[in-house]
Amino acid sequence: MATTTSGVEVATLAGGCFWCLEAVYLGLRGVERVASGYMGGHTARPTYRDVCDGGTGHAEVVRIEFDPGELSFDDLLDVFFTIHDPTTLNRQGNDVGTQYRSAIFYHSPEQKRVAEEAIADLTARKVWRDPIVTEVTAASTFYEAEAYHQDYFARNVHQPYCQVVVAPKVAKFRKVFGDRTKQRA
């Protein structure tokens, strides 16, 4: 697995708007840090505006640092496939474009194997009516998003997009994975 010098593992996931994924994973026990950013494109140091314009090839992603003693990569994928629709190509709800694609950017052969097995299992169990379009691709350079995107939901909980799109995903996460959530202050 991809581990940092502190023994923390790294995962990078794309499932629509990074604000949704970040808000959910920040609440998962075993997650040490979550950063919103961009990956999978061909432009160095893209900005949010560049990515939104759709010409860079980047996806909005979250880079998750997690304690493998408390949480597995497979656990992260359980949450991932619960909180977004992996069957819609280049979109999540009203967010449309390649930057909103569903993707797992693996950091090791083990992560690749686990991701492919998770997709095969979900497909075999026919969890969704439509085929899963989540791409599984090697991690590339991670570009951290601008500071105002970090911890966005917590700082903008009353913003309409957060109320209509992010909050329901956080609520679903808490309902399904309530026993694995961090205690709220």
N, C-alpha and C. Protein backbone atom coordinates (compact mmCIF):
# COMPACT_ATOMS: atom_id res chain seq x y z
N MET A 1 0.83 -1.19 0.00
CA MET A 1 0.00 0.00 0.00
C MET A 1 0.87 1.25 0.00
N ALA A 2 0.30 2.34 -0.38
CA ALA A 2 0.99 3.63 -0.38
C ALA A 2 0.95 4.20 1.04
N THR A 3 2.10 4.23 1.67
CA THR A 3 2.13 4.75 3.04
C THR A 3 3.03 5.97 3.10
N THR A 4 2.70 6.84 4.03
CA THR A 4 3.53 8.01 4.28
C THR A 4 4.60 7.61 5.28
N THR A 5 5.50 8.52 5.59
CA THR A 5 6.56 8.21 6.55
C THR A 5 5.99 7.95 7.94
N SER A 6 4.79 8.41 8.22
CA SER A 6 4.19 8.20 9.54
C SER A 6 3.37 6.91 9.60
N GLY A 7 3.39 6.12 8.52
CA GLY A 7 2.64 4.86 8.50
C GLY A 7 1.20 5.02 8.09
N VAL A 8 0.80 6.22 7.74
CA VAL A 8 -0.55 6.50 7.27
C VAL A 8 -0.59 6.15 5.79
N GLU A 9 -1.69 5.54 5.35
CA GLU A 9 -1.85 5.22 3.93
C GLU A 9 -2.60 6.35 3.22
N VAL A 10 -2.44 6.38 1.90
CA VAL A 10 -3.04 7.42 1.07
C VAL A 10 -3.97 6.78 0.06
N ALA A 11 -5.13 7.38 -0.12
CA ALA A 11 -6.08 6.98 -1.16
C ALA A 11 -6.54 8.25 -1.87
N THR A 12 -6.82 8.14 -3.17
CA THR A 12 -7.32 9.29 -3.92
C THR A 12 -8.55 8.85 -4.69
N LEU A 13 -9.67 9.54 -4.45
CA LEU A 13 -10.95 9.16 -5.03
C LEU A 13 -11.64 10.36 -5.67
N ALA A 14 -12.37 10.09 -6.76
CA ALA A 14 -13.16 11.11 -7.44
C ALA A 14 -14.58 10.57 -7.58
N GLY A 15 -15.53 11.35 -7.11
CA GLY A 15 -16.93 10.92 -7.18
C GLY A 15 -17.86 12.10 -7.29
N GLY A 16 -17.58 12.99 -8.23
CA GLY A 16 -18.37 14.20 -8.36
C GLY A 16 -17.66 15.35 -7.67
N CYS A 17 -18.40 16.25 -7.14
CA CYS A 17 -17.85 17.42 -6.46
C CYS A 17 -17.02 17.01 -5.25
N PHE A 18 -15.82 17.54 -5.15
CA PHE A 18 -14.95 17.14 -4.03
C PHE A 18 -15.47 17.61 -2.68
N TRP A 19 -16.33 18.60 -2.64
CA TRP A 19 -16.89 19.06 -1.36
C TRP A 19 -17.68 17.94 -0.69
N CYS A 20 -18.40 17.16 -1.48
CA CYS A 20 -19.21 16.05 -0.93
C CYS A 20 -18.31 14.98 -0.33
N LEU A 21 -17.35 14.54 -1.11
CA LEU A 21 -16.46 13.47 -0.62
C LEU A 21 -15.69 13.92 0.61
N GLU A 22 -15.17 15.14 0.57
CA GLU A 22 -14.40 15.65 1.69
C GLU A 22 -15.24 15.67 2.97
N ALA A 23 -16.45 16.17 2.89
CA ALA A 23 -17.32 16.27 4.07
C ALA A 23 -17.60 14.90 4.67
N VAL A 24 -17.80 13.92 3.83
CA VAL A 24 -18.07 12.56 4.31
C VAL A 24 -16.83 11.95 4.94
N TYR A 25 -15.72 11.96 4.22
CA TYR A 25 -14.51 11.29 4.74
C TYR A 25 -13.93 11.96 5.96
N LEU A 26 -14.15 13.26 6.13
CA LEU A 26 -13.70 13.92 7.36
C LEU A 26 -14.42 13.35 8.59
N GLY A 27 -15.60 12.78 8.37
CA GLY A 27 -16.37 12.21 9.48
C GLY A 27 -16.14 10.74 9.72
N LEU A 28 -15.26 10.10 8.95
CA LEU A 28 -15.03 8.66 9.08
C LEU A 28 -13.87 8.39 10.04
N ARG A 29 -14.17 7.57 11.04
CA ARG A 29 -13.14 7.19 12.01
C ARG A 29 -12.00 6.48 11.30
N GLY A 30 -10.78 6.85 11.61
CA GLY A 30 -9.60 6.27 10.98
C GLY A 30 -8.99 7.16 9.92
N VAL A 31 -9.75 8.17 9.48
CA VAL A 31 -9.24 9.13 8.51
C VAL A 31 -8.49 10.21 9.27
N GLU A 32 -7.25 10.45 8.87
CA GLU A 32 -6.40 11.43 9.54
C GLU A 32 -6.50 12.81 8.89
N ARG A 33 -6.58 12.83 7.55
CA ARG A 33 -6.60 14.11 6.82
C ARG A 33 -7.28 13.89 5.48
N VAL A 34 -8.00 14.91 5.02
CA VAL A 34 -8.61 14.89 3.70
C VAL A 34 -8.29 16.24 3.05
N ALA A 35 -7.82 16.18 1.82
CA ALA A 35 -7.55 17.40 1.06
C ALA A 35 -8.27 17.31 -0.28
N SER A 36 -8.97 18.37 -0.63
CA SER A 36 -9.61 18.46 -1.95
C SER A 36 -8.57 18.91 -2.96
N GLY A 37 -8.68 18.37 -4.17
CA GLY A 37 -7.72 18.76 -5.20
C GLY A 37 -8.09 18.21 -6.56
N TYR A 38 -7.07 18.10 -7.40
CA TYR A 38 -7.25 17.71 -8.79
C TYR A 38 -6.23 16.64 -9.16
N MET A 39 -6.66 15.67 -9.98
CA MET A 39 -5.76 14.62 -10.45
C MET A 39 -6.28 14.10 -11.79
N GLY A 40 -5.37 13.51 -12.53
CA GLY A 40 -5.75 12.80 -13.74
C GLY A 40 -5.79 13.63 -15.00
N GLY A 41 -5.20 14.79 -14.96
CA GLY A 41 -5.23 15.65 -16.14
C GLY A 41 -3.86 15.82 -16.77
N HIS A 42 -3.78 16.76 -17.69
CA HIS A 42 -2.54 16.96 -18.45
C HIS A 42 -1.96 18.37 -18.30
N THR A 43 -2.53 19.18 -17.44
CA THR A 43 -2.06 20.55 -17.23
C THR A 43 -1.40 20.64 -15.86
N ALA A 44 -0.22 21.24 -15.81
CA ALA A 44 0.46 21.42 -14.52
C ALA A 44 -0.21 22.55 -13.73
N ARG A 45 -0.34 22.34 -12.43
CA ARG A 45 -0.86 23.34 -11.50
C ARG A 45 -2.17 23.98 -11.95
N PRO A 46 -3.20 23.16 -12.20
CA PRO A 46 -4.48 23.74 -12.64
C PRO A 46 -5.17 24.48 -11.50
N THR A 47 -5.95 25.45 -11.87
CA THR A 47 -6.78 26.17 -10.91
C THR A 47 -8.20 25.60 -10.98
N TYR A 48 -9.00 25.95 -10.03
CA TYR A 48 -10.40 25.53 -10.04
C TYR A 48 -11.08 25.97 -11.32
N ARG A 49 -10.86 27.19 -11.73
CA ARG A 49 -11.46 27.70 -12.97
C ARG A 49 -11.00 26.88 -14.17
N ASP A 50 -9.70 26.54 -14.22
CA ASP A 50 -9.18 25.71 -15.32
C ASP A 50 -9.90 24.36 -15.37
N VAL A 51 -10.04 23.73 -14.21
CA VAL A 51 -10.67 22.42 -14.14
C VAL A 51 -12.15 22.51 -14.50
N CYS A 52 -12.84 23.53 -13.99
CA CYS A 52 -14.26 23.72 -14.31
C CYS A 52 -14.50 23.96 -15.79
N ASP A 53 -13.56 24.59 -16.47
CA ASP A 53 -13.70 24.82 -17.90
C ASP A 53 -13.61 23.52 -18.69
N GLY A 54 -13.11 22.44 -18.06
CA GLY A 54 -13.11 21.11 -18.67
C GLY A 54 -11.97 20.79 -19.61
N GLY A 55 -11.03 21.70 -19.80
CA GLY A 55 -9.97 21.45 -20.76
C GLY A 55 -8.70 20.82 -20.20
N THR A 56 -8.61 20.67 -18.90
CA THR A 56 -7.36 20.15 -18.31
C THR A 56 -7.34 18.63 -18.20
N GLY A 57 -8.51 18.00 -18.24
CA GLY A 57 -8.59 16.55 -18.06
C GLY A 57 -8.59 16.10 -16.62
N HIS A 58 -8.48 17.02 -15.67
CA HIS A 58 -8.45 16.66 -14.26
C HIS A 58 -9.84 16.32 -13.73
N ALA A 59 -9.85 15.48 -12.72
CA ALA A 59 -11.06 15.21 -11.95
C ALA A 59 -10.94 15.94 -10.61
N GLU A 60 -12.07 16.34 -10.06
CA GLU A 60 -12.07 16.82 -8.68
C GLU A 60 -11.92 15.59 -7.81
N VAL A 61 -10.93 15.59 -6.94
CA VAL A 61 -10.63 14.42 -6.11
C VAL A 61 -10.46 14.81 -4.65
N VAL A 62 -10.47 13.79 -3.81
CA VAL A 62 -10.02 13.96 -2.43
C VAL A 62 -8.85 13.02 -2.20
N ARG A 63 -7.85 13.56 -1.55
CA ARG A 63 -6.69 12.77 -1.14
C ARG A 63 -6.90 12.48 0.34
N ILE A 64 -7.02 11.19 0.66
CA ILE A 64 -7.36 10.76 2.01
C ILE A 64 -6.15 10.10 2.64
N GLU A 65 -5.76 10.58 3.80
CA GLU A 65 -4.73 9.92 4.59
C GLU A 65 -5.45 9.20 5.71
N PHE A 66 -5.20 7.88 5.82
CA PHE A 66 -5.94 7.09 6.79
C PHE A 66 -5.04 6.11 7.52
N ASP A 67 -5.48 5.73 8.72
CA ASP A 67 -4.75 4.79 9.57
C ASP A 67 -5.16 3.38 9.18
N PRO A 68 -4.26 2.60 8.56
CA PRO A 68 -4.62 1.25 8.13
C PRO A 68 -4.86 0.29 9.29
N GLY A 69 -4.49 0.68 10.50
CA GLY A 69 -4.79 -0.12 11.67
C GLY A 69 -6.24 0.00 12.11
N GLU A 70 -6.90 1.04 11.64
CA GLU A 70 -8.29 1.30 12.02
C GLU A 70 -9.26 1.21 10.85
N LEU A 71 -8.74 1.34 9.65
CA LEU A 71 -9.58 1.46 8.47
C LEU A 71 -8.83 0.89 7.28
N SER A 72 -9.50 0.09 6.47
CA SER A 72 -8.85 -0.47 5.28
C SER A 72 -9.23 0.32 4.04
N PHE A 73 -8.48 0.12 2.97
CA PHE A 73 -8.82 0.73 1.68
C PHE A 73 -10.19 0.23 1.23
N ASP A 74 -10.47 -1.03 1.46
CA ASP A 74 -11.78 -1.60 1.13
C ASP A 74 -12.89 -0.88 1.89
N ASP A 75 -12.65 -0.52 3.16
CA ASP A 75 -13.63 0.25 3.93
C ASP A 75 -13.90 1.61 3.28
N LEU A 76 -12.82 2.26 2.81
CA LEU A 76 -13.00 3.55 2.12
C LEU A 76 -13.87 3.38 0.88
N LEU A 77 -13.66 2.27 0.16
CA LEU A 77 -14.45 2.03 -1.05
C LEU A 77 -15.90 1.71 -0.73
N ASP A 78 -16.15 1.05 0.40
CA ASP A 78 -17.55 0.81 0.81
C ASP A 78 -18.30 2.14 0.93
N VAL A 79 -17.65 3.10 1.57
CA VAL A 79 -18.25 4.43 1.73
C VAL A 79 -18.38 5.09 0.35
N PHE A 80 -17.33 5.04 -0.43
CA PHE A 80 -17.31 5.66 -1.76
C PHE A 80 -18.48 5.19 -2.62
N PHE A 81 -18.70 3.89 -2.68
CA PHE A 81 -19.76 3.36 -3.54
C PHE A 81 -21.16 3.53 -2.93
N THR A 82 -21.23 3.97 -1.69
CA THR A 82 -22.51 4.24 -1.05
C THR A 82 -22.95 5.69 -1.26
N ILE A 83 -21.99 6.61 -1.32
CA ILE A 83 -22.35 8.03 -1.31
C ILE A 83 -22.37 8.69 -2.69
N HIS A 84 -22.03 7.96 -3.74
CA HIS A 84 -22.14 8.56 -5.08
C HIS A 84 -22.64 7.51 -6.06
N ASP A 85 -23.05 7.96 -7.21
CA ASP A 85 -23.56 7.06 -8.25
C ASP A 85 -22.44 6.73 -9.22
N PRO A 86 -21.91 5.50 -9.17
CA PRO A 86 -20.80 5.13 -10.03
C PRO A 86 -21.23 4.71 -11.43
N THR A 87 -22.49 4.91 -11.76
CA THR A 87 -23.00 4.48 -13.07
C THR A 87 -23.22 5.63 -14.04
N THR A 88 -22.99 6.85 -13.60
CA THR A 88 -23.21 7.99 -14.49
C THR A 88 -21.87 8.51 -14.99
N LEU A 89 -21.69 8.47 -16.29
CA LEU A 89 -20.43 8.88 -16.89
C LEU A 89 -20.29 10.40 -16.87
N ASN A 90 -19.21 10.84 -16.24
CA ASN A 90 -18.86 12.27 -16.21
C ASN A 90 -19.96 13.15 -15.63
N ARG A 91 -20.60 12.67 -14.58
CA ARG A 91 -21.60 13.50 -13.91
C ARG A 91 -21.97 12.91 -12.56
N GLN A 92 -22.42 13.80 -11.69
CA GLN A 92 -23.09 13.44 -10.44
C GLN A 92 -24.21 14.45 -10.29
N GLY A 93 -25.43 13.98 -10.39
CA GLY A 93 -26.57 14.89 -10.31
C GLY A 93 -26.51 15.94 -11.39
N ASN A 94 -26.59 17.22 -10.99
CA ASN A 94 -26.54 18.32 -11.94
C ASN A 94 -25.12 18.75 -12.29
N ASP A 95 -24.11 18.17 -11.63
CA ASP A 95 -22.71 18.49 -11.94
C ASP A 95 -22.29 17.62 -13.11
N VAL A 96 -22.01 18.26 -14.25
CA VAL A 96 -21.71 17.53 -15.49
C VAL A 96 -20.36 17.96 -16.04
N GLY A 97 -19.57 16.99 -16.46
CA GLY A 97 -18.26 17.24 -17.07
C GLY A 97 -17.27 16.19 -16.61
N THR A 98 -16.18 16.05 -17.34
CA THR A 98 -15.19 15.02 -16.98
C THR A 98 -14.58 15.26 -15.61
N GLN A 99 -14.62 16.50 -15.12
CA GLN A 99 -14.08 16.77 -13.79
C GLN A 99 -14.91 16.13 -12.68
N TYR A 100 -16.13 15.69 -13.02
CA TYR A 100 -17.02 15.07 -12.04
C TYR A 100 -17.11 13.55 -12.21
N ARG A 101 -16.17 12.97 -12.96
CA ARG A 101 -16.21 11.54 -13.21
C ARG A 101 -15.97 10.73 -11.93
N SER A 102 -16.37 9.49 -11.99
CA SER A 102 -16.13 8.55 -10.89
C SER A 102 -14.81 7.85 -11.17
N ALA A 103 -13.87 7.95 -10.23
CA ALA A 103 -12.55 7.35 -10.45
C ALA A 103 -11.90 6.96 -9.13
N ILE A 104 -11.14 5.90 -9.20
CA ILE A 104 -10.28 5.46 -8.11
C ILE A 104 -8.86 5.55 -8.65
N PHE A 105 -8.06 6.45 -8.07
CA PHE A 105 -6.67 6.60 -8.47
C PHE A 105 -5.82 5.80 -7.48
N TYR A 106 -5.38 4.63 -7.92
CA TYR A 106 -4.68 3.73 -6.99
C TYR A 106 -3.21 4.13 -6.83
N HIS A 107 -2.71 3.87 -5.61
CA HIS A 107 -1.33 4.21 -5.25
C HIS A 107 -0.44 2.97 -5.14
N SER A 108 -1.02 1.80 -5.35
CA SER A 108 -0.24 0.56 -5.25
C SER A 108 -0.97 -0.55 -6.01
N PRO A 109 -0.26 -1.60 -6.37
CA PRO A 109 -0.94 -2.73 -7.00
C PRO A 109 -2.04 -3.32 -6.11
N GLU A 110 -1.85 -3.29 -4.81
CA GLU A 110 -2.85 -3.80 -3.88
C GLU A 110 -4.13 -2.96 -3.95
N GLN A 111 -4.00 -1.64 -3.98
CA GLN A 111 -5.18 -0.79 -4.11
C GLN A 111 -5.89 -1.05 -5.43
N LYS A 112 -5.14 -1.25 -6.50
CA LYS A 112 -5.75 -1.55 -7.80
C LYS A 112 -6.56 -2.84 -7.71
N ARG A 113 -5.96 -3.87 -7.10
CA ARG A 113 -6.63 -5.16 -6.96
C ARG A 113 -7.91 -5.02 -6.15
N VAL A 114 -7.84 -4.34 -5.03
CA VAL A 114 -9.00 -4.17 -4.16
C VAL A 114 -10.11 -3.39 -4.90
N ALA A 115 -9.73 -2.35 -5.63
CA ALA A 115 -10.72 -1.55 -6.38
C ALA A 115 -11.40 -2.40 -7.44
N GLU A 116 -10.62 -3.16 -8.20
CA GLU A 116 -11.21 -3.99 -9.26
C GLU A 116 -12.10 -5.07 -8.67
N GLU A 117 -11.70 -5.65 -7.54
CA GLU A 117 -12.53 -6.67 -6.89
C GLU A 117 -13.83 -6.06 -6.36
N ALA A 118 -13.75 -4.86 -5.81
CA ALA A 118 -14.96 -4.20 -5.29
C ALA A 118 -15.95 -3.95 -6.42
N ILE A 119 -15.47 -3.46 -7.55
CA ILE A 119 -16.35 -3.21 -8.70
C ILE A 119 -16.94 -4.52 -9.22
N ALA A 120 -16.13 -5.55 -9.30
CA ALA A 120 -16.62 -6.86 -9.77
C ALA A 120 -17.69 -7.41 -8.83
N ASP A 121 -17.48 -7.25 -7.53
CA ASP A 121 -18.45 -7.73 -6.55
C ASP A 121 -19.77 -6.97 -6.66
N LEU A 122 -19.71 -5.65 -6.75
CA LEU A 122 -20.92 -4.84 -6.88
C LEU A 122 -21.67 -5.17 -8.16
N THR A 123 -20.92 -5.41 -9.22
CA THR A 123 -21.52 -5.77 -10.51
C THR A 123 -22.20 -7.13 -10.41
N ALA A 124 -21.53 -8.10 -9.81
CA ALA A 124 -22.09 -9.46 -9.67
C ALA A 124 -23.36 -9.44 -8.81
N ARG A 125 -23.38 -8.58 -7.79
CA ARG A 125 -24.55 -8.50 -6.91
C ARG A 125 -25.65 -7.62 -7.49
N LYS A 126 -25.38 -7.01 -8.64
CA LYS A 126 -26.36 -6.16 -9.33
C LYS A 126 -26.91 -5.06 -8.40
N VAL A 127 -25.98 -4.39 -7.72
CA VAL A 127 -26.35 -3.32 -6.81
C VAL A 127 -27.02 -2.17 -7.56
N TRP A 128 -26.56 -1.90 -8.79
CA TRP A 128 -27.15 -0.86 -9.63
C TRP A 128 -27.69 -1.49 -10.90
N ARG A 129 -28.72 -0.87 -11.43
CA ARG A 129 -29.33 -1.36 -12.67
C ARG A 129 -28.38 -1.15 -13.85
N ASP A 130 -27.69 -0.01 -13.87
CA ASP A 130 -26.78 0.32 -14.97
C ASP A 130 -25.35 -0.10 -14.63
N PRO A 131 -24.51 -0.28 -15.64
CA PRO A 131 -23.12 -0.69 -15.39
C PRO A 131 -22.32 0.39 -14.66
N ILE A 132 -21.38 -0.06 -13.85
CA ILE A 132 -20.46 0.84 -13.14
C ILE A 132 -19.45 1.38 -14.14
N VAL A 133 -19.26 2.70 -14.16
CA VAL A 133 -18.33 3.33 -15.09
C VAL A 133 -17.11 3.92 -14.36
N THR A 134 -16.95 3.62 -13.10
CA THR A 134 -15.82 4.12 -12.32
C THR A 134 -14.52 3.66 -12.95
N GLU A 135 -13.66 4.63 -13.25
CA GLU A 135 -12.35 4.26 -13.81
C GLU A 135 -11.40 3.92 -12.67
N VAL A 136 -10.54 2.96 -12.92
CA VAL A 136 -9.49 2.58 -11.98
C VAL A 136 -8.18 2.84 -12.71
N THR A 137 -7.45 3.84 -12.22
CA THR A 137 -6.24 4.27 -12.92
C THR A 137 -5.16 4.65 -11.92
N ALA A 138 -3.92 4.55 -12.36
CA ALA A 138 -2.80 4.87 -11.47
C ALA A 138 -2.84 6.34 -11.05
N ALA A 139 -2.52 6.56 -9.79
CA ALA A 139 -2.45 7.94 -9.28
C ALA A 139 -1.35 8.69 -10.03
N SER A 140 -1.61 9.95 -10.26
CA SER A 140 -0.63 10.83 -10.87
C SER A 140 -0.41 12.00 -9.91
N THR A 141 0.10 13.09 -10.41
CA THR A 141 0.36 14.24 -9.55
C THR A 141 -0.94 14.77 -8.95
N PHE A 142 -0.93 14.96 -7.65
CA PHE A 142 -2.07 15.55 -6.94
C PHE A 142 -1.79 17.04 -6.78
N TYR A 143 -2.75 17.84 -7.21
CA TYR A 143 -2.66 19.30 -7.05
C TYR A 143 -3.73 19.70 -6.03
N GLU A 144 -3.29 20.18 -4.89
CA GLU A 144 -4.25 20.59 -3.86
C GLU A 144 -5.03 21.81 -4.35
N ALA A 145 -6.34 21.76 -4.13
CA ALA A 145 -7.21 22.86 -4.53
C ALA A 145 -6.95 24.09 -3.66
N GLU A 146 -7.43 25.20 -4.14
CA GLU A 146 -7.28 26.46 -3.44
C GLU A 146 -7.82 26.34 -2.01
N ALA A 147 -7.29 27.17 -1.12
CA ALA A 147 -7.61 27.09 0.31
C ALA A 147 -9.11 27.18 0.58
N TYR A 148 -9.84 27.96 -0.18
CA TYR A 148 -11.27 28.13 0.10
C TYR A 148 -12.07 26.85 -0.17
N HIS A 149 -11.48 25.88 -0.85
CA HIS A 149 -12.17 24.60 -1.09
C HIS A 149 -11.98 23.62 0.07
N GLN A 150 -10.99 23.84 0.90
CA GLN A 150 -10.70 22.91 1.99
C GLN A 150 -11.70 23.09 3.12
N ASP A 151 -12.22 21.98 3.62
CA ASP A 151 -13.21 21.99 4.70
C ASP A 151 -14.42 22.86 4.32
N TYR A 152 -14.78 22.79 3.06
CA TYR A 152 -15.79 23.69 2.49
C TYR A 152 -17.16 23.55 3.15
N PHE A 153 -17.62 22.32 3.31
CA PHE A 153 -18.95 22.09 3.87
C PHE A 153 -19.07 22.66 5.29
N ALA A 154 -18.09 22.38 6.12
CA ALA A 154 -18.13 22.87 7.51
C ALA A 154 -18.16 24.39 7.57
N ARG A 155 -17.52 25.04 6.63
CA ARG A 155 -17.45 26.50 6.62
C ARG A 155 -18.62 27.15 5.88
N ASN A 156 -19.37 26.34 5.11
CA ASN A 156 -20.44 26.90 4.27
C ASN A 156 -21.73 26.10 4.37
N VAL A 157 -22.01 25.57 5.53
CA VAL A 157 -23.13 24.64 5.71
C VAL A 157 -24.48 25.23 5.28
N HIS A 158 -24.63 26.52 5.34
CA HIS A 158 -25.91 27.14 4.98
C HIS A 158 -25.98 27.57 3.52
N GLN A 159 -24.90 27.42 2.78
CA GLN A 159 -24.90 27.75 1.35
C GLN A 159 -25.85 26.79 0.65
N PRO A 160 -26.66 27.24 -0.31
CA PRO A 160 -27.66 26.38 -0.95
C PRO A 160 -27.12 25.07 -1.52
N TYR A 161 -25.99 25.10 -2.22
CA TYR A 161 -25.43 23.86 -2.77
C TYR A 161 -25.13 22.87 -1.65
N CYS A 162 -24.58 23.37 -0.57
CA CYS A 162 -24.26 22.50 0.57
C CYS A 162 -25.52 21.89 1.18
N GLN A 163 -26.58 22.68 1.29
CA GLN A 163 -27.82 22.18 1.87
C GLN A 163 -28.50 21.16 0.98
N VAL A 164 -28.47 21.40 -0.33
CA VAL A 164 -29.21 20.55 -1.27
C VAL A 164 -28.41 19.34 -1.73
N VAL A 165 -27.10 19.46 -1.88
CA VAL A 165 -26.29 18.38 -2.44
C VAL A 165 -25.40 17.71 -1.39
N VAL A 166 -24.62 18.49 -0.66
CA VAL A 166 -23.65 17.90 0.27
C VAL A 166 -24.33 17.32 1.50
N ALA A 167 -25.19 18.07 2.14
CA ALA A 167 -25.83 17.62 3.39
C ALA A 167 -26.54 16.27 3.25
N PRO A 168 -27.29 16.01 2.18
CA PRO A 168 -27.92 14.69 2.06
C PRO A 168 -26.91 13.54 1.97
N LYS A 169 -25.76 13.79 1.34
CA LYS A 169 -24.74 12.74 1.27
C LYS A 169 -24.13 12.49 2.65
N VAL A 170 -23.90 13.56 3.38
CA VAL A 170 -23.36 13.41 4.74
C VAL A 170 -24.38 12.67 5.61
N ALA A 171 -25.65 13.01 5.48
CA ALA A 171 -26.71 12.34 6.26
C ALA A 171 -26.79 10.86 5.90
N LYS A 172 -26.71 10.54 4.62
CA LYS A 172 -26.74 9.13 4.20
C LYS A 172 -25.54 8.38 4.77
N PHE A 173 -24.37 9.00 4.69
CA PHE A 173 -23.17 8.39 5.27
C PHE A 173 -23.37 8.10 6.75
N ARG A 174 -23.86 9.07 7.51
CA ARG A 174 -24.06 8.89 8.95
C ARG A 174 -25.09 7.81 9.25
N LYS A 175 -26.12 7.71 8.41
CA LYS A 175 -27.15 6.69 8.61
C LYS A 175 -26.59 5.29 8.33
N VAL A 176 -25.89 5.13 7.22
CA VAL A 176 -25.39 3.82 6.82
C VAL A 176 -24.18 3.39 7.63
N PHE A 177 -23.30 4.34 7.94
CA PHE A 177 -22.04 4.01 8.61
C PHE A 177 -21.94 4.64 10.00
N GLY A 178 -23.08 4.80 10.67
CA GLY A 178 -23.12 5.47 11.96
C GLY A 178 -22.17 4.94 12.99
N ASP A 179 -21.93 3.64 12.97
CA ASP A 179 -21.02 3.03 13.96
C ASP A 179 -19.56 3.32 13.64
N ARG A 180 -19.28 3.92 12.49
CA ARG A 180 -17.90 4.17 12.09
C ARG A 180 -17.59 5.65 11.97
N THR A 181 -18.50 6.49 12.42
CA THR A 181 -18.29 7.93 12.31
C THR A 181 -17.54 8.46 13.53
N LYS A 182 -16.86 9.55 13.29
CA LYS A 182 -16.16 10.23 14.39
C LYS A 182 -17.21 10.88 15.27
N GLN A 183 -16.91 11.00 16.54
CA GLN A 183 -17.81 11.70 17.45
C GLN A 183 -17.79 13.18 17.12
N ARG A 184 -18.96 13.77 16.98
CA ARG A 184 -19.04 15.20 16.70
C ARG A 184 -18.90 15.99 17.98
N ALA A 185 -18.23 17.14 17.84
CA ALA A 185 -18.01 18.01 19.02
C ALA A 185 -19.27 18.75 19.37
